[in-house]
Full PDB file with SEQRES, HELIX, SHEET, SSBOND, CRYST1, ORIGX, SCALE, CONECT and MASTER records, all heavy atoms in Angstrom:
SEQRES   1 A   42  MET ARG ARG ILE GLY PRO LYS GLY ALA GLY GLN TRP GLN          
SEQRES   2 A   42  GLN ILE SER TRP ASP GLU ALA LEU ASP GLU ILE ALA ALA          
SEQRES   3 A   42  ARG PHE LEU GLN VAL GLU GLN ASN SER GLY PRO GLU SER          
SEQRES   4 A   42  VAL TRP PRO                                                  
HELIX    1 AA1 TRP A   17  SER A   35  1                                  19    
HELIX    2 AA2 PRO A   37  SER A   39  5                                   3    
SHEET    1 AA1 2 ARG A   2  ARG A   3  0                                        
SHEET    2 AA1 2 TRP A  12  GLN A  13 -1                                        
CRYST1    1.000    1.000    1.000  90.00  90.00  90.00 P 1           1          
ORIGX1      1.000000  0.000000  0.000000        0.00000                         
ORIGX2      0.000000  1.000000  0.000000        0.00000                         
ORIGX3      0.000000  0.000000  1.000000        0.00000                         
SCALE1      1.000000  0.000000  0.000000        0.00000                         
SCALE2      0.000000  1.000000  0.000000        0.00000                         
SCALE3      0.000000  0.000000  1.000000        0.00000                         
ATOM      1  N   MET A   1       0.830  -1.202   0.000  1.00  0.00           N  
ATOM      2  CA  MET A   1       0.000   0.000   0.000  1.00  0.00           C  
ATOM      3  C   MET A   1       0.864   1.251   0.000  1.00  0.00           C  
ATOM      4  O   MET A   1       1.942   1.268   0.603  1.00  0.00           O  
ATOM      5  CB  MET A   1      -0.931   0.006   1.221  1.00  0.00           C  
ATOM      6  CG  MET A   1      -1.975  -1.085   1.205  1.00  0.00           C  
ATOM      7  SD  MET A   1      -3.100  -0.990   2.624  1.00  0.00           S  
ATOM      8  CE  MET A   1      -1.991  -1.439   3.956  1.00  0.00           C  
ATOM      9  N   ARG A   2       0.355   2.286  -0.664  1.00  0.00           N  
ATOM     10  CA  ARG A   2       1.011   3.595  -0.694  1.00  0.00           C  
ATOM     11  C   ARG A   2       0.130   4.606   0.041  1.00  0.00           C  
ATOM     12  O   ARG A   2      -1.095   4.621  -0.115  1.00  0.00           O  
ATOM     13  CB  ARG A   2       1.208   4.050  -2.136  1.00  0.00           C  
ATOM     14  CG  ARG A   2       1.842   5.443  -2.255  1.00  0.00           C  
ATOM     15  CD  ARG A   2       1.759   5.991  -3.666  1.00  0.00           C  
ATOM     16  NE  ARG A   2       2.604   5.247  -4.591  1.00  0.00           N  
ATOM     17  CZ  ARG A   2       2.164   4.639  -5.684  1.00  0.00           C  
ATOM     18  NH1 ARG A   2       0.857   4.657  -5.977  1.00  0.00           N  
ATOM     19  NH2 ARG A   2       2.993   4.012  -6.491  1.00  0.00           N  
ATOM     20  N   ARG A   3       0.761   5.454   0.827  1.00  0.00           N  
ATOM     21  CA  ARG A   3       0.024   6.523   1.502  1.00  0.00           C  
ATOM     22  C   ARG A   3      -0.467   7.534   0.488  1.00  0.00           C  
ATOM     23  O   ARG A   3       0.288   7.981  -0.382  1.00  0.00           O  
ATOM     24  CB  ARG A   3       0.942   7.205   2.523  1.00  0.00           C  
ATOM     25  CG  ARG A   3       0.321   8.410   3.213  1.00  0.00           C  
ATOM     26  CD  ARG A   3       1.210   8.932   4.312  1.00  0.00           C  
ATOM     27  NE  ARG A   3       2.475   9.481   3.834  1.00  0.00           N  
ATOM     28  CZ  ARG A   3       2.671  10.751   3.469  1.00  0.00           C  
ATOM     29  NH1 ARG A   3       1.665  11.612   3.506  1.00  0.00           N  
ATOM     30  NH2 ARG A   3       3.866  11.158   3.072  1.00  0.00           N  
ATOM     31  N   ILE A   4      -1.745   7.948   0.609  1.00  0.00           N  
ATOM     32  CA  ILE A   4      -2.300   8.949  -0.313  1.00  0.00           C  
ATOM     33  C   ILE A   4      -2.854  10.169   0.427  1.00  0.00           C  
ATOM     34  O   ILE A   4      -3.355  11.093  -0.216  1.00  0.00           O  
ATOM     35  CB  ILE A   4      -3.398   8.335  -1.215  1.00  0.00           C  
ATOM     36  CG1 ILE A   4      -4.522   7.721  -0.372  1.00  0.00           C  
ATOM     37  CG2 ILE A   4      -2.803   7.320  -2.168  1.00  0.00           C  
ATOM     38  CD1 ILE A   4      -5.708   7.235  -1.196  1.00  0.00           C  
ATOM     39  N   GLY A   5      -2.783  10.163   1.756  1.00  0.00           N  
ATOM     40  CA  GLY A   5      -3.226  11.304   2.544  1.00  0.00           C  
ATOM     41  C   GLY A   5      -2.112  11.769   3.453  1.00  0.00           C  
ATOM     42  O   GLY A   5      -0.951  11.372   3.301  1.00  0.00           O  
ATOM     43  N   PRO A   6      -2.412  12.617   4.422  1.00  0.00           N  
ATOM     44  CA  PRO A   6      -1.399  13.050   5.386  1.00  0.00           C  
ATOM     45  C   PRO A   6      -0.844  11.871   6.176  1.00  0.00           C  
ATOM     46  O   PRO A   6      -1.519  10.854   6.358  1.00  0.00           O  
ATOM     47  CB  PRO A   6      -2.179  14.009   6.299  1.00  0.00           C  
ATOM     48  CG  PRO A   6      -3.383  14.405   5.522  1.00  0.00           C  
ATOM     49  CD  PRO A   6      -3.728  13.246   4.650  1.00  0.00           C  
ATOM     50  N   LYS A   7       0.385  12.001   6.645  1.00  0.00           N  
ATOM     51  CA  LYS A   7       0.985  10.934   7.448  1.00  0.00           C  
ATOM     52  C   LYS A   7       0.110  10.640   8.661  1.00  0.00           C  
ATOM     53  O   LYS A   7      -0.306  11.551   9.378  1.00  0.00           O  
ATOM     54  CB  LYS A   7       2.394  11.319   7.899  1.00  0.00           C  
ATOM     55  CG  LYS A   7       3.463  11.084   6.857  1.00  0.00           C  
ATOM     56  CD  LYS A   7       4.856  10.984   7.473  1.00  0.00           C  
ATOM     57  CE  LYS A   7       5.864  10.564   6.411  1.00  0.00           C  
ATOM     58  NZ  LYS A   7       7.197  10.280   6.979  1.00  0.00           N  
ATOM     59  N   GLY A   8      -0.139   9.355   8.860  1.00  0.00           N  
ATOM     60  CA  GLY A   8      -0.915   8.933  10.013  1.00  0.00           C  
ATOM     61  C   GLY A   8      -2.411   9.035   9.857  1.00  0.00           C  
ATOM     62  O   GLY A   8      -3.156   8.690  10.783  1.00  0.00           O  
ATOM     63  N   ALA A   9      -2.895   9.493   8.690  1.00  0.00           N  
ATOM     64  CA  ALA A   9      -4.343   9.676   8.504  1.00  0.00           C  
ATOM     65  C   ALA A   9      -5.052   8.386   8.119  1.00  0.00           C  
ATOM     66  O   ALA A   9      -6.289   8.346   8.090  1.00  0.00           O  
ATOM     67  CB  ALA A   9      -4.604  10.742   7.445  1.00  0.00           C  
ATOM     68  N   GLY A  10      -4.305   7.352   7.792  1.00  0.00           N  
ATOM     69  CA  GLY A  10      -4.918   6.071   7.470  1.00  0.00           C  
ATOM     70  C   GLY A  10      -5.531   6.010   6.089  1.00  0.00           C  
ATOM     71  O   GLY A  10      -6.445   5.213   5.851  1.00  0.00           O  
ATOM     72  N   GLN A  11      -5.031   6.811   5.167  1.00  0.00           N  
ATOM     73  CA  GLN A  11      -5.546   6.815   3.798  1.00  0.00           C  
ATOM     74  C   GLN A  11      -4.535   6.121   2.892  1.00  0.00           C  
ATOM     75  O   GLN A  11      -3.399   6.587   2.732  1.00  0.00           O  
ATOM     76  CB  GLN A  11      -5.801   8.250   3.322  1.00  0.00           C  
ATOM     77  CG  GLN A  11      -6.852   8.964   4.156  1.00  0.00           C  
ATOM     78  CD  GLN A  11      -6.969  10.439   3.826  1.00  0.00           C  
ATOM     79  OE1 GLN A  11      -6.235  10.961   2.992  1.00  0.00           O  
ATOM     80  NE2 GLN A  11      -7.888  11.121   4.485  1.00  0.00           N  
ATOM     81  N   TRP A  12      -4.958   5.002   2.287  1.00  0.00           N  
ATOM     82  CA  TRP A  12      -4.035   4.136   1.560  1.00  0.00           C  
ATOM     83  C   TRP A  12      -4.587   3.768   0.194  1.00  0.00           C  
ATOM     84  O   TRP A  12      -5.797   3.697  -0.007  1.00  0.00           O  
ATOM     85  CB  TRP A  12      -3.771   2.844   2.343  1.00  0.00           C  
ATOM     86  CG  TRP A  12      -3.237   3.081   3.721  1.00  0.00           C  
ATOM     87  CD1 TRP A  12      -3.945   3.099   4.895  1.00  0.00           C  
ATOM     88  CD2 TRP A  12      -1.888   3.348   4.075  1.00  0.00           C  
ATOM     89  NE1 TRP A  12      -3.112   3.360   5.954  1.00  0.00           N  
ATOM     90  CE2 TRP A  12      -1.841   3.522   5.480  1.00  0.00           C  
ATOM     91  CE3 TRP A  12      -0.700   3.466   3.346  1.00  0.00           C  
ATOM     92  CZ2 TRP A  12      -0.659   3.783   6.165  1.00  0.00           C  
ATOM     93  CZ3 TRP A  12       0.479   3.728   4.024  1.00  0.00           C  
ATOM     94  CH2 TRP A  12       0.490   3.885   5.422  1.00  0.00           C  
ATOM     95  N   GLN A  13      -3.660   3.480  -0.702  1.00  0.00           N  
ATOM     96  CA  GLN A  13      -3.993   2.972  -2.030  1.00  0.00           C  
ATOM     97  C   GLN A  13      -3.256   1.662  -2.239  1.00  0.00           C  
ATOM     98  O   GLN A  13      -2.034   1.597  -2.062  1.00  0.00           O  
ATOM     99  CB  GLN A  13      -3.552   3.984  -3.101  1.00  0.00           C  
ATOM    100  CG  GLN A  13      -3.737   3.512  -4.533  1.00  0.00           C  
ATOM    101  CD  GLN A  13      -3.083   4.461  -5.533  1.00  0.00           C  
ATOM    102  OE1 GLN A  13      -1.964   4.924  -5.313  1.00  0.00           O  
ATOM    103  NE2 GLN A  13      -3.795   4.781  -6.589  1.00  0.00           N  
ATOM    104  N   GLN A  14      -3.969   0.594  -2.586  1.00  0.00           N  
ATOM    105  CA  GLN A  14      -3.321  -0.682  -2.865  1.00  0.00           C  
ATOM    106  C   GLN A  14      -2.529  -0.571  -4.161  1.00  0.00           C  
ATOM    107  O   GLN A  14      -3.015  -0.046  -5.159  1.00  0.00           O  
ATOM    108  CB  GLN A  14      -4.361  -1.798  -2.974  1.00  0.00           C  
ATOM    109  CG  GLN A  14      -3.751  -3.173  -3.191  1.00  0.00           C  
ATOM    110  CD  GLN A  14      -4.801  -4.272  -3.192  1.00  0.00           C  
ATOM    111  OE1 GLN A  14      -5.754  -4.231  -2.407  1.00  0.00           O  
ATOM    112  NE2 GLN A  14      -4.640  -5.252  -4.062  1.00  0.00           N  
ATOM    113  N   ILE A  15      -1.292  -1.074  -4.134  1.00  0.00           N  
ATOM    114  CA  ILE A  15      -0.431  -1.045  -5.311  1.00  0.00           C  
ATOM    115  C   ILE A  15       0.187  -2.415  -5.501  1.00  0.00           C  
ATOM    116  O   ILE A  15       0.097  -3.283  -4.624  1.00  0.00           O  
ATOM    117  CB  ILE A  15       0.678   0.036  -5.196  1.00  0.00           C  
ATOM    118  CG1 ILE A  15       1.525  -0.186  -3.929  1.00  0.00           C  
ATOM    119  CG2 ILE A  15       0.071   1.436  -5.196  1.00  0.00           C  
ATOM    120  CD1 ILE A  15       2.695   0.791  -3.788  1.00  0.00           C  
ATOM    121  N   SER A  16       0.845  -2.619  -6.622  1.00  0.00           N  
ATOM    122  CA  SER A  16       1.512  -3.890  -6.892  1.00  0.00           C  
ATOM    123  C   SER A  16       2.897  -3.904  -6.254  1.00  0.00           C  
ATOM    124  O   SER A  16       3.444  -2.853  -5.890  1.00  0.00           O  
ATOM    125  CB  SER A  16       1.649  -4.100  -8.399  1.00  0.00           C  
ATOM    126  OG  SER A  16       2.605  -3.185  -8.941  1.00  0.00           O  
ATOM    127  N   TRP A  17       3.472  -5.088  -6.171  1.00  0.00           N  
ATOM    128  CA  TRP A  17       4.834  -5.195  -5.653  1.00  0.00           C  
ATOM    129  C   TRP A  17       5.816  -4.450  -6.556  1.00  0.00           C  
ATOM    130  O   TRP A  17       6.728  -3.780  -6.058  1.00  0.00           O  
ATOM    131  CB  TRP A  17       5.241  -6.657  -5.512  1.00  0.00           C  
ATOM    132  CG  TRP A  17       4.890  -7.229  -4.170  1.00  0.00           C  
ATOM    133  CD1 TRP A  17       3.839  -8.036  -3.861  1.00  0.00           C  
ATOM    134  CD2 TRP A  17       5.603  -7.017  -2.939  1.00  0.00           C  
ATOM    135  NE1 TRP A  17       3.851  -8.340  -2.515  1.00  0.00           N  
ATOM    136  CE2 TRP A  17       4.920  -7.732  -1.923  1.00  0.00           C  
ATOM    137  CE3 TRP A  17       6.736  -6.296  -2.590  1.00  0.00           C  
ATOM    138  CZ2 TRP A  17       5.339  -7.750  -0.597  1.00  0.00           C  
ATOM    139  CZ3 TRP A  17       7.159  -6.310  -1.260  1.00  0.00           C  
ATOM    140  CH2 TRP A  17       6.464  -7.021  -0.281  1.00  0.00           C  
ATOM    141  N   ASP A  18       5.659  -4.553  -7.863  1.00  0.00           N  
ATOM    142  CA  ASP A  18       6.577  -3.846  -8.755  1.00  0.00           C  
ATOM    143  C   ASP A  18       6.495  -2.341  -8.539  1.00  0.00           C  
ATOM    144  O   ASP A  18       7.528  -1.652  -8.484  1.00  0.00           O  
ATOM    145  CB  ASP A  18       6.253  -4.179 -10.215  1.00  0.00           C  
ATOM    146  CG  ASP A  18       6.766  -5.550 -10.634  1.00  0.00           C  
ATOM    147  OD1 ASP A  18       7.688  -6.068  -9.961  1.00  0.00           O  
ATOM    148  OD2 ASP A  18       6.247  -6.105 -11.615  1.00  0.00           O  
ATOM    149  N   GLU A  19       5.294  -1.824  -8.397  1.00  0.00           N  
ATOM    150  CA  GLU A  19       5.148  -0.390  -8.134  1.00  0.00           C  
ATOM    151  C   GLU A  19       5.826  -0.008  -6.821  1.00  0.00           C  
ATOM    152  O   GLU A  19       6.538   1.010  -6.739  1.00  0.00           O  
ATOM    153  CB  GLU A  19       3.671  -0.013  -8.071  1.00  0.00           C  
ATOM    154  CG  GLU A  19       2.935  -0.029  -9.382  1.00  0.00           C  
ATOM    155  CD  GLU A  19       1.466   0.280  -9.196  1.00  0.00           C  
ATOM    156  OE1 GLU A  19       0.743  -0.578  -8.636  1.00  0.00           O  
ATOM    157  OE2 GLU A  19       1.031   1.388  -9.591  1.00  0.00           O  
ATOM    158  N   ALA A  20       5.599  -0.807  -5.798  1.00  0.00           N  
ATOM    159  CA  ALA A  20       6.161  -0.498  -4.485  1.00  0.00           C  
ATOM    160  C   ALA A  20       7.684  -0.534  -4.516  1.00  0.00           C  
ATOM    161  O   ALA A  20       8.356   0.403  -4.056  1.00  0.00           O  
ATOM    162  CB  ALA A  20       5.623  -1.482  -3.453  1.00  0.00           C  
ATOM    163  N   LEU A  21       8.239  -1.604  -5.058  1.00  0.00           N  
ATOM    164  CA  LEU A  21       9.699  -1.760  -5.051  1.00  0.00           C  
ATOM    165  C   LEU A  21      10.366  -0.734  -5.953  1.00  0.00           C  
ATOM    166  O   LEU A  21      11.442  -0.209  -5.616  1.00  0.00           O  
ATOM    167  CB  LEU A  21      10.058  -3.178  -5.475  1.00  0.00           C  
ATOM    168  CG  LEU A  21       9.644  -4.279  -4.485  1.00  0.00           C  
ATOM    169  CD1 LEU A  21       9.764  -5.655  -5.129  1.00  0.00           C  
ATOM    170  CD2 LEU A  21      10.469  -4.212  -3.210  1.00  0.00           C  
ATOM    171  N   ASP A  22       9.753  -0.427  -7.084  1.00  0.00           N  
ATOM    172  CA  ASP A  22      10.328   0.594  -7.964  1.00  0.00           C  
ATOM    173  C   ASP A  22      10.357   1.955  -7.273  1.00  0.00           C  
ATOM    174  O   ASP A  22      11.351   2.696  -7.365  1.00  0.00           O  
ATOM    175  CB  ASP A  22       9.512   0.700  -9.260  1.00  0.00           C  
ATOM    176  CG  ASP A  22       9.729  -0.475 -10.202  1.00  0.00           C  
ATOM    177  OD1 ASP A  22      10.686  -1.244  -9.992  1.00  0.00           O  
ATOM    178  OD2 ASP A  22       8.918  -0.635 -11.133  1.00  0.00           O  
ATOM    179  N   GLU A  23       9.287   2.291  -6.569  1.00  0.00           N  
ATOM    180  CA  GLU A  23       9.245   3.588  -5.893  1.00  0.00           C  
ATOM    181  C   GLU A  23      10.255   3.641  -4.749  1.00  0.00           C  
ATOM    182  O   GLU A  23      10.939   4.652  -4.559  1.00  0.00           O  
ATOM    183  CB  GLU A  23       7.843   3.875  -5.374  1.00  0.00           C  
ATOM    184  CG  GLU A  23       7.735   5.234  -4.691  1.00  0.00           C  
ATOM    185  CD  GLU A  23       6.316   5.627  -4.350  1.00  0.00           C  
ATOM    186  OE1 GLU A  23       5.369   5.007  -4.887  1.00  0.00           O  
ATOM    187  OE2 GLU A  23       6.149   6.560  -3.541  1.00  0.00           O  
ATOM    188  N   ILE A  24      10.351   2.561  -3.987  1.00  0.00           N  
ATOM    189  CA  ILE A  24      11.315   2.539  -2.879  1.00  0.00           C  
ATOM    190  C   ILE A  24      12.731   2.706  -3.409  1.00  0.00           C  
ATOM    191  O   ILE A  24      13.522   3.518  -2.894  1.00  0.00           O  
ATOM    192  CB  ILE A  24      11.186   1.233  -2.077  1.00  0.00           C  
ATOM    193  CG1 ILE A  24       9.821   1.151  -1.395  1.00  0.00           C  
ATOM    194  CG2 ILE A  24      12.299   1.138  -1.027  1.00  0.00           C  
ATOM    195  CD1 ILE A  24       9.486  -0.242  -0.880  1.00  0.00           C  
ATOM    196  N   ALA A  25      13.081   1.944  -4.437  1.00  0.00           N  
ATOM    197  CA  ALA A  25      14.432   2.039  -4.994  1.00  0.00           C  
ATOM    198  C   ALA A  25      14.716   3.443  -5.518  1.00  0.00           C  
ATOM    199  O   ALA A  25      15.800   4.009  -5.278  1.00  0.00           O  
ATOM    200  CB  ALA A  25      14.607   1.004  -6.104  1.00  0.00           C  
ATOM    201  N   ALA A  26      13.748   4.041  -6.209  1.00  0.00           N  
ATOM    202  CA  ALA A  26      13.947   5.391  -6.749  1.00  0.00           C  
ATOM    203  C   ALA A  26      14.141   6.411  -5.637  1.00  0.00           C  
ATOM    204  O   ALA A  26      15.018   7.281  -5.718  1.00  0.00           O  
ATOM    205  CB  ALA A  26      12.756   5.774  -7.630  1.00  0.00           C  
ATOM    206  N   ARG A  27      13.344   6.302  -4.593  1.00  0.00           N  
ATOM    207  CA  ARG A  27      13.449   7.263  -3.482  1.00  0.00           C  
ATOM    208  C   ARG A  27      14.758   7.073  -2.723  1.00  0.00           C  
ATOM    209  O   ARG A  27      15.389   8.053  -2.313  1.00  0.00           O  
ATOM    210  CB  ARG A  27      12.246   7.125  -2.556  1.00  0.00           C  
ATOM    211  CG  ARG A  27      10.917   7.522  -3.175  1.00  0.00           C  
ATOM    212  CD  ARG A  27      10.806   9.033  -3.405  1.00  0.00           C  
ATOM    213  NE  ARG A  27      10.837   9.791  -2.180  1.00  0.00           N  
ATOM    214  CZ  ARG A  27       9.763  10.092  -1.444  1.00  0.00           C  
ATOM    215  NH1 ARG A  27       8.560   9.681  -1.842  1.00  0.00           N  
ATOM    216  NH2 ARG A  27       9.879  10.811  -0.357  1.00  0.00           N  
ATOM    217  N   PHE A  28      15.177   5.818  -2.507  1.00  0.00           N  
ATOM    218  CA  PHE A  28      16.453   5.577  -1.830  1.00  0.00           C  
ATOM    219  C   PHE A  28      17.611   6.145  -2.658  1.00  0.00           C  
ATOM    220  O   PHE A  28      18.535   6.773  -2.112  1.00  0.00           O  
ATOM    221  CB  PHE A  28      16.651   4.087  -1.580  1.00  0.00           C  
ATOM    222  CG  PHE A  28      15.926   3.543  -0.374  1.00  0.00           C  
ATOM    223  CD1 PHE A  28      14.886   4.229   0.229  1.00  0.00           C  
ATOM    224  CD2 PHE A  28      16.292   2.318   0.169  1.00  0.00           C  
ATOM    225  CE1 PHE A  28      14.224   3.734   1.335  1.00  0.00           C  
ATOM    226  CE2 PHE A  28      15.634   1.802   1.285  1.00  0.00           C  
ATOM    227  CZ  PHE A  28      14.602   2.509   1.860  1.00  0.00           C  
ATOM    228  N   LEU A  29      17.581   5.922  -3.967  1.00  0.00           N  
ATOM    229  CA  LEU A  29      18.645   6.451  -4.822  1.00  0.00           C  
ATOM    230  C   LEU A  29      18.663   7.977  -4.800  1.00  0.00           C  
ATOM    231  O   LEU A  29      19.738   8.597  -4.797  1.00  0.00           O  
ATOM    232  CB  LEU A  29      18.458   5.948  -6.254  1.00  0.00           C  
ATOM    233  CG  LEU A  29      18.803   4.473  -6.497  1.00  0.00           C  
ATOM    234  CD1 LEU A  29      18.367   4.053  -7.888  1.00  0.00           C  
ATOM    235  CD2 LEU A  29      20.298   4.224  -6.313  1.00  0.00           C  
ATOM    236  N   GLN A  30      17.500   8.576  -4.753  1.00  0.00           N  
ATOM    237  CA  GLN A  30      17.424  10.038  -4.684  1.00  0.00           C  
ATOM    238  C   GLN A  30      18.047  10.556  -3.397  1.00  0.00           C  
ATOM    239  O   GLN A  30      18.797  11.540  -3.404  1.00  0.00           O  
ATOM    240  CB  GLN A  30      15.968  10.481  -4.789  1.00  0.00           C  
ATOM    241  CG  GLN A  30      15.769  11.990  -4.804  1.00  0.00           C  
ATOM    242  CD  GLN A  30      14.307  12.369  -4.890  1.00  0.00           C  
ATOM    243  OE1 GLN A  30      13.449  11.737  -4.272  1.00  0.00           O  
ATOM    244  NE2 GLN A  30      14.002  13.402  -5.665  1.00  0.00           N  
ATOM    245  N   VAL A  31      17.762   9.889  -2.264  1.00  0.00           N  
ATOM    246  CA  VAL A  31      18.357  10.299  -0.995  1.00  0.00           C  
ATOM    247  C   VAL A  31      19.869  10.105  -1.035  1.00  0.00           C  
ATOM    248  O   VAL A  31      20.632  10.967  -0.570  1.00  0.00           O  
ATOM    249  CB  VAL A  31      17.729   9.503   0.170  1.00  0.00           C  
ATOM    250  CG1 VAL A  31      18.514   9.726   1.463  1.00  0.00           C  
ATOM    251  CG2 VAL A  31      16.269   9.914   0.366  1.00  0.00           C  
ATOM    252  N   GLU A  32      20.319   8.990  -1.597  1.00  0.00           N  
ATOM    253  CA  GLU A  32      21.764   8.751  -1.714  1.00  0.00           C  
ATOM    254  C   GLU A  32      22.429   9.887  -2.492  1.00  0.00           C  
ATOM    255  O   GLU A  32      23.501  10.379  -2.099  1.00  0.00           O  
ATOM    256  CB  GLU A  32      22.032   7.427  -2.419  1.00  0.00           C  
ATOM    257  CG  GLU A  32      21.679   6.189  -1.608  1.00  0.00           C  
ATOM    258  CD  GLU A  32      22.021   4.916  -2.362  1.00  0.00           C  
ATOM    259  OE1 GLU A  32      23.111   4.867  -2.970  1.00  0.00           O  
ATOM    260  OE2 GLU A  32      21.204   3.971  -2.358  1.00  0.00           O  
ATOM    261  N   GLN A  33      21.831  10.291  -3.595  1.00  0.00           N  
ATOM    262  CA  GLN A  33      22.417  11.334  -4.434  1.00  0.00           C  
ATOM    263  C   GLN A  33      22.395  12.698  -3.747  1.00  0.00           C  
ATOM    264  O   GLN A  33      23.361  13.463  -3.830  1.00  0.00           O  
ATOM    265  CB  GLN A  33      21.659  11.424  -5.762  1.00  0.00           C  
ATOM    266  CG  GLN A  33      21.866  10.225  -6.667  1.00  0.00           C  
ATOM    267  CD  GLN A  33      21.001  10.292  -7.920  1.00  0.00           C  
ATOM    268  OE1 GLN A  33      20.047  11.067  -7.981  1.00  0.00           O  
ATOM    269  NE2 GLN A  33      21.335   9.477  -8.912  1.00  0.00           N  
ATOM    270  N   ASN A  34      21.304  13.000  -3.058  1.00  0.00           N  
ATOM    271  CA  ASN A  34      21.146  14.336  -2.471  1.00  0.00           C  
ATOM    272  C   ASN A  34      21.872  14.499  -1.146  1.00  0.00           C  
ATOM    273  O   ASN A  34      22.393  15.578  -0.849  1.00  0.00           O  
ATOM    274  CB  ASN A  34      19.660  14.646  -2.272  1.00  0.00           C  
ATOM    275  CG  ASN A  34      18.916  14.792  -3.579  1.00  0.00           C  
ATOM    276  OD1 ASN A  34      19.526  14.960  -4.636  1.00  0.00           O  
ATOM    277  ND2 ASN A  34      17.596  14.732  -3.525  1.00  0.00           N  
ATOM    278  N   SER A  35      21.884  13.435  -0.326  1.00  0.00           N  
ATOM    279  CA  SER A  35      22.394  13.577   1.044  1.00  0.00           C  
ATOM    280  C   SER A  35      23.455  12.557   1.418  1.00  0.00           C  
ATOM    281  O   SER A  35      23.993  12.618   2.520  1.00  0.00           O  
ATOM    282  CB  SER A  35      21.226  13.452   2.035  1.00  0.00           C  
ATOM    283  OG  SER A  35      20.216  14.381   1.745  1.00  0.00           O  
ATOM    284  N   GLY A  36      23.738  11.608   0.535  1.00  0.00           N  
ATOM    285  CA  GLY A  36      24.715  10.572   0.823  1.00  0.00           C  
ATOM    286  C   GLY A  36      24.049   9.312   1.335  1.00  0.00           C  
ATOM    287  O   GLY A  36      22.953   9.359   1.916  1.00  0.00           O  
ATOM    288  N   PRO A  37      24.697   8.156   1.138  1.00  0.00           N  
ATOM    289  CA  PRO A  37      24.080   6.882   1.530  1.00  0.00           C  
ATOM    290  C   PRO A  37      23.818   6.758   3.026  1.00  0.00           C  
ATOM    291  O   PRO A  37      22.908   6.032   3.431  1.00  0.00           O  
ATOM    292  CB  PRO A  37      25.088   5.831   1.048  1.00  0.00           C  
ATOM    293  CG  PRO A  37      26.369   6.567   0.852  1.00  0.00           C  
ATOM    294  CD  PRO A  37      25.996   7.958   0.469  1.00  0.00           C  
ATOM    295  N   GLU A  38      24.580   7.467   3.865  1.00  0.00           N  
ATOM    296  CA  GLU A  38      24.350   7.377   5.310  1.00  0.00           C  
ATOM    297  C   GLU A  38      23.023   7.995   5.726  1.00  0.00           C  
ATOM    298  O   GLU A  38      22.575   7.796   6.859  1.00  0.00           O  
ATOM    299  CB  GLU A  38      25.488   8.047   6.078  1.00  0.00           C  
ATOM    300  CG  GLU A  38      26.777   7.247   6.067  1.00  0.00           C  
ATOM    301  CD  GLU A  38      27.822   7.836   6.988  1.00  0.00           C  
ATOM    302  OE1 GLU A  38      27.737   9.043   7.283  1.00  0.00           O  
ATOM    303  OE2 GLU A  38      28.720   7.086   7.422  1.00  0.00           O  
ATOM    304  N   SER A  39      22.376   8.724   4.822  1.00  0.00           N  
ATOM    305  CA  SER A  39      21.064   9.280   5.138  1.00  0.00           C  
ATOM    306  C   SER A  39      19.945   8.254   4.979  1.00  0.00           C  
ATOM    307  O   SER A  39      18.787   8.565   5.237  1.00  0.00           O  
ATOM    308  CB  SER A  39      20.783  10.502   4.256  1.00  0.00           C  
ATOM    309  OG  SER A  39      21.584  11.595   4.672  1.00  0.00           O  
ATOM    310  N   VAL A  40      20.286   7.041   4.553  1.00  0.00           N  
ATOM    311  CA  VAL A  40      19.350   5.919   4.548  1.00  0.00           C  
ATOM    312  C   VAL A  40      19.705   5.027   5.732  1.00  0.00           C  
ATOM    313  O   VAL A  40      20.865   4.643   5.908  1.00  0.00           O  
ATOM    314  CB  VAL A  40      19.427   5.118   3.236  1.00  0.00           C  
ATOM    315  CG1 VAL A  40      18.405   3.978   3.256  1.00  0.00           C  
ATOM    316  CG2 VAL A  40      19.195   6.027   2.041  1.00  0.00           C  
ATOM    317  N   TRP A  41      18.708   4.709   6.542  1.00  0.00           N  
ATOM    318  CA  TRP A  41      18.957   3.924   7.761  1.00  0.00           C  
ATOM    319  C   TRP A  41      18.008   2.730   7.826  1.00  0.00           C  
ATOM    320  O   TRP A  41      16.864   2.868   8.268  1.00  0.00           O  
ATOM    321  CB  TRP A  41      18.772   4.798   9.004  1.00  0.00           C  
ATOM    322  CG  TRP A  41      19.212   4.157  10.297  1.00  0.00           C  
ATOM    323  CD1 TRP A  41      20.133   3.165  10.467  1.00  0.00           C  
ATOM    324  CD2 TRP A  41      18.749   4.487  11.610  1.00  0.00           C  
ATOM    325  NE1 TRP A  41      20.286   2.857  11.800  1.00  0.00           N  
ATOM    326  CE2 TRP A  41      19.441   3.659  12.525  1.00  0.00           C  
ATOM    327  CE3 TRP A  41      17.823   5.401  12.109  1.00  0.00           C  
ATOM    328  CZ2 TRP A  41      19.225   3.716  13.908  1.00  0.00           C  
ATOM    329  CZ3 TRP A  41      17.610   5.460  13.475  1.00  0.00           C  
ATOM    330  CH2 TRP A  41      18.301   4.636  14.365  1.00  0.00           C  
ATOM    331  N   PRO A  42      18.435   1.542   7.381  1.00  0.00           N  
ATOM    332  CA  PRO A  42      17.635   0.335   7.629  1.00  0.00           C  
ATOM    333  C   PRO A  42      17.561   0.079   9.131  1.00  0.00           C  
ATOM    334  O   PRO A  42      18.573   0.128   9.837  1.00  0.00           O  
ATOM    335  CB  PRO A  42      18.425  -0.760   6.909  1.00  0.00           C  
ATOM    336  CG  PRO A  42      19.281  -0.027   5.912  1.00  0.00           C  
ATOM    337  CD  PRO A  42      19.625   1.270   6.576  1.00  0.00           C  
TER     338      PRO A  42                                                      
MASTER        0    0    0    2    2    0    0    6  337    1    0    4          
END                                                                             
């Protein structure tokens, strides 16, 4: 699921695994480029 409302508001949209994983990878890469890999914390 992807959040579609304010954080914590409980508004979600069901998505596919490919959509979810593609978005996560893109956002992680963006953070790596903008702030460095240490700005990602598993």
